[in-house]
Amino acid sequence: MPRWESDAQGRLERAALELFETQGFERTSVAQIARAAGLTERSFYRYFPDKREVLFAGSELEAHLVAQVEAADPGLTPIEALLTALGTADEVFRSREFLLRRVKVIAASPALAERDLIKLADIADALARALEHRGVEPGAARFIIDVAMAITRRATSRWLADPDAAFPDLVAQATAELREALAPPAPRVR
């Protein structure tokens, strides 16, 4: 591939994902990724600080979610504002195919699983700050984030498994399931 071909970052991401799938994350070098993308190692480092970041680069999701929380109707409760924002996450998600492949690669590598948790923690921190800007006490913001992230994990796994499912509907469904699980039991009829 000629070096001037456009979308160098995308080519690096695709090459890395394919190599991680076929030979594993640990056995894949930056040099191999760059070569498979038709680029040099130096070019690789213009886009990514290390090979892990190929799967975690960018802050589009974090920026999108924070903007959604900040723009949410002030009349919404903090959890409603956050869940509304999270329900729009699919607007910035990568393709379902890429995400499914990425999930498998991450699950096969402890180093990548650790990096995934760090990335999620960074997003949670940013969302907690956004809730605090809405007047939510820091401890309460953290608790709300934890609950919302659990809902989102459930919705995301279902979204990845069902190509016909709408992400906002799955967030609403997981929220309803949580409410049902927390509802007091119905009185027993004797």
Protein backbone atom coordinates (compact mmCIF):
# COMPACT_ATOMS: atom_id res chain seq x y z
CA MET A 1 0.00 0.00 0.00
CA PRO A 2 1.40 3.43 -0.79
CA ARG A 3 2.19 5.58 2.22
CA TRP A 4 0.03 8.46 0.99
CA GLU A 5 -3.20 6.43 0.99
CA SER A 6 -5.79 8.11 3.18
CA ASP A 7 -7.17 6.89 6.52
CA ALA A 8 -3.86 5.78 7.98
CA GLN A 9 -5.37 5.58 11.47
CA GLY A 10 -8.23 3.39 10.27
CA ARG A 11 -5.84 1.14 8.39
CA LEU A 12 -3.73 0.74 11.53
CA GLU A 13 -6.81 -0.08 13.61
CA ARG A 14 -8.03 -2.68 11.11
CA ALA A 15 -4.58 -4.25 10.71
CA ALA A 16 -4.05 -4.41 14.46
CA LEU A 17 -7.45 -5.97 15.09
CA GLU A 18 -6.84 -8.63 12.45
CA LEU A 19 -3.39 -9.44 13.82
CA PHE A 20 -4.65 -9.51 17.41
CA GLU A 21 -7.34 -11.97 16.32
CA THR A 22 -5.03 -14.26 14.37
CA GLN A 23 -1.90 -14.30 16.52
CA GLY A 24 -2.94 -12.72 19.80
CA PHE A 25 -2.26 -9.33 21.33
CA GLU A 26 0.93 -10.34 23.14
CA ARG A 27 2.49 -11.90 20.02
CA THR A 28 1.74 -8.90 17.79
CA SER A 29 4.34 -6.15 17.45
CA VAL A 30 3.94 -2.53 16.44
CA ALA A 31 6.21 -3.25 13.48
CA GLN A 32 3.84 -6.00 12.28
CA ILE A 33 0.81 -3.72 12.63
CA ALA A 34 2.50 -0.90 10.72
CA ARG A 35 3.69 -3.27 7.98
CA ALA A 36 0.21 -4.82 7.60
CA ALA A 37 -1.25 -1.31 7.25
CA GLY A 38 1.38 -0.33 4.68
CA LEU A 39 2.98 2.20 7.01
CA THR A 40 6.13 2.64 9.06
CA GLU A 41 6.50 2.23 12.82
CA ARG A 42 7.08 5.97 13.01
CA SER A 43 3.70 6.51 11.37
CA PHE A 44 2.11 4.18 13.91
CA TYR A 45 3.42 6.31 16.77
CA ARG A 46 1.95 9.45 15.22
CA TYR A 47 -1.49 8.00 15.93
CA PHE A 48 -1.02 5.76 18.96
CA PRO A 49 1.36 5.79 21.95
CA ASP A 50 1.39 1.97 22.12
CA LYS A 51 -0.31 -1.04 20.58
CA ARG A 52 -3.02 -1.22 23.28
CA GLU A 53 -4.30 2.19 22.32
CA VAL A 54 -5.21 0.99 18.83
CA LEU A 55 -8.34 -0.48 20.40
CA PHE A 56 -8.96 2.39 22.84
CA ALA A 57 -7.98 5.55 20.98
CA GLY A 58 -10.22 8.55 20.86
CA SER A 59 -12.51 10.18 23.34
CA GLU A 60 -15.56 10.60 21.13
CA LEU A 61 -17.81 8.53 23.38
CA GLU A 62 -16.75 10.36 26.53
CA ALA A 63 -17.14 13.79 24.90
CA HIS A 64 -20.53 12.83 23.47
CA LEU A 65 -21.90 11.54 26.77
CA VAL A 66 -20.65 14.51 28.77
CA ALA A 67 -22.19 16.92 26.23
CA GLN A 68 -25.50 15.03 26.43
CA VAL A 69 -25.56 15.19 30.24
CA GLU A 70 -24.69 18.89 30.20
CA ALA A 71 -27.40 19.60 27.63
CA ALA A 72 -30.09 17.50 29.37
CA ASP A 73 -33.29 19.18 30.47
CA PRO A 74 -32.72 20.66 33.95
CA GLY A 75 -36.04 19.15 35.02
CA LEU A 76 -34.70 15.62 34.65
CA THR A 77 -33.44 13.82 37.72
CA PRO A 78 -29.71 13.05 37.65
CA ILE A 79 -30.32 9.39 36.77
CA GLU A 80 -32.78 10.36 34.03
CA ALA A 81 -30.27 12.82 32.54
CA LEU A 82 -27.54 10.20 32.63
CA LEU A 83 -29.67 7.38 31.20
CA THR A 84 -30.94 9.68 28.45
CA ALA A 85 -27.33 10.50 27.57
CA LEU A 86 -26.28 6.84 27.67
CA GLY A 87 -29.21 5.94 25.43
CA THR A 88 -27.57 8.01 22.68
CA ALA A 89 -24.18 6.29 22.90
CA ASP A 90 -24.84 4.29 19.75
CA GLU A 91 -24.61 7.56 17.80
CA VAL A 92 -20.84 7.42 18.24
CA PHE A 93 -20.27 3.66 18.53
CA ARG A 94 -18.06 1.98 15.97
CA SER A 95 -19.67 -0.64 13.74
CA ARG A 96 -21.24 -3.61 15.52
CA GLU A 97 -18.86 -5.96 13.66
CA PHE A 98 -15.78 -4.03 14.82
CA LEU A 99 -17.06 -3.92 18.41
CA LEU A 100 -17.84 -7.65 18.48
CA ARG A 101 -14.35 -8.45 17.21
CA ARG A 102 -12.84 -5.97 19.68
CA VAL A 103 -14.72 -7.54 22.62
CA LYS A 104 -13.27 -10.97 21.79
CA VAL A 105 -9.73 -9.64 21.50
CA ILE A 106 -10.04 -7.78 24.81
CA ALA A 107 -11.47 -10.84 26.57
CA ALA A 108 -8.46 -12.90 25.46
CA SER A 109 -5.88 -10.50 26.92
CA PRO A 110 -5.54 -9.48 30.58
CA ALA A 111 -3.58 -6.35 29.55
CA LEU A 112 -6.39 -5.25 27.25
CA ALA A 113 -9.07 -6.11 29.79
CA GLU A 114 -7.25 -3.91 32.30
CA ARG A 115 -7.04 -1.06 29.77
CA ASP A 116 -10.76 -1.44 29.02
CA LEU A 117 -11.56 -1.00 32.71
CA ILE A 118 -9.34 2.08 32.88
CA LYS A 119 -11.09 3.60 29.85
CA LEU A 120 -14.50 2.94 31.44
CA ALA A 121 -13.32 4.49 34.70
CA ASP A 122 -12.18 7.59 32.80
CA ILE A 123 -15.63 7.89 31.20
CA ALA A 124 -17.29 7.41 34.60
CA ASP A 125 -15.10 10.15 36.10
CA ALA A 126 -16.02 12.56 33.33
CA LEU A 127 -19.72 11.77 33.74
CA ALA A 128 -19.49 12.22 37.51
CA ARG A 129 -18.03 15.69 36.96
CA ALA A 130 -20.87 16.47 34.53
CA LEU A 131 -23.43 15.43 37.14
CA GLU A 132 -21.64 17.50 39.77
CA HIS A 133 -21.94 20.51 37.45
CA ARG A 134 -25.69 19.85 37.54
CA GLY A 135 -25.56 20.18 41.33
CA VAL A 136 -25.29 16.53 42.31
CA GLU A 137 -23.17 15.85 45.40
CA PRO A 138 -19.96 13.91 44.44
CA GLY A 139 -20.81 10.73 46.39
CA ALA A 140 -24.32 10.64 44.94
CA ALA A 141 -22.94 11.29 41.45
CA ARG A 142 -20.62 8.31 41.79
CA PHE A 143 -23.43 6.06 42.96
CA ILE A 144 -25.68 7.16 40.08
CA ILE A 145 -22.85 6.53 37.62
CA ASP A 146 -22.28 3.02 38.98
CA VAL A 147 -25.97 2.14 38.61
CA ALA A 148 -26.16 3.65 35.12
CA MET A 149 -23.01 1.83 33.98
CA ALA A 150 -24.50 -1.49 35.08
CA ILE A 151 -27.62 -0.72 33.05
CA THR A 152 -25.48 0.26 30.07
CA ARG A 153 -23.37 -2.93 30.25
CA ARG A 154 -26.55 -5.01 30.09
CA ALA A 155 -27.93 -2.96 27.20
CA THR A 156 -24.64 -3.02 25.30
CA SER A 157 -24.25 -6.80 25.50
CA ARG A 158 -27.79 -7.21 24.19
CA TRP A 159 -27.20 -4.64 21.43
CA LEU A 160 -24.09 -6.49 20.28
CA ALA A 161 -25.99 -9.79 20.22
CA ASP A 162 -29.08 -8.50 18.40
CA PRO A 163 -28.48 -6.55 15.18
CA ASP A 164 -32.14 -5.51 15.03
CA ALA A 165 -32.26 -4.03 18.52
CA ALA A 166 -32.28 -0.28 19.04
CA PHE A 167 -29.79 0.78 21.70
CA PRO A 168 -32.06 3.37 23.40
CA ASP A 169 -34.79 0.72 23.71
CA LEU A 170 -32.34 -1.68 25.34
CA VAL A 171 -31.26 0.99 27.85
CA ALA A 172 -34.94 1.57 28.68
CA GLN A 173 -35.54 -2.19 28.98
CA ALA A 174 -32.57 -2.70 31.33
CA THR A 175 -33.73 0.29 33.40
CA ALA A 176 -37.23 -1.21 33.67
CA GLU A 177 -35.73 -4.55 34.74
CA LEU A 178 -33.75 -2.83 37.48
CA ARG A 179 -36.85 -0.99 38.70
CA GLU A 180 -38.77 -4.27 38.75
CA ALA A 181 -35.99 -6.00 40.66
CA LEU A 182 -36.03 -3.22 43.27
CA ALA A 183 -39.80 -3.00 43.58
CA PRO A 184 -41.29 -4.33 46.78
CA PRO A 185 -42.84 -7.75 46.36
CA ALA A 186 -46.55 -7.85 45.78
CA PRO A 187 -48.55 -8.82 48.86
CA ARG A 188 -49.36 -12.51 49.08
CA VAL A 189 -52.94 -13.46 48.59
CA ARG A 190 -54.17 -15.96 51.18
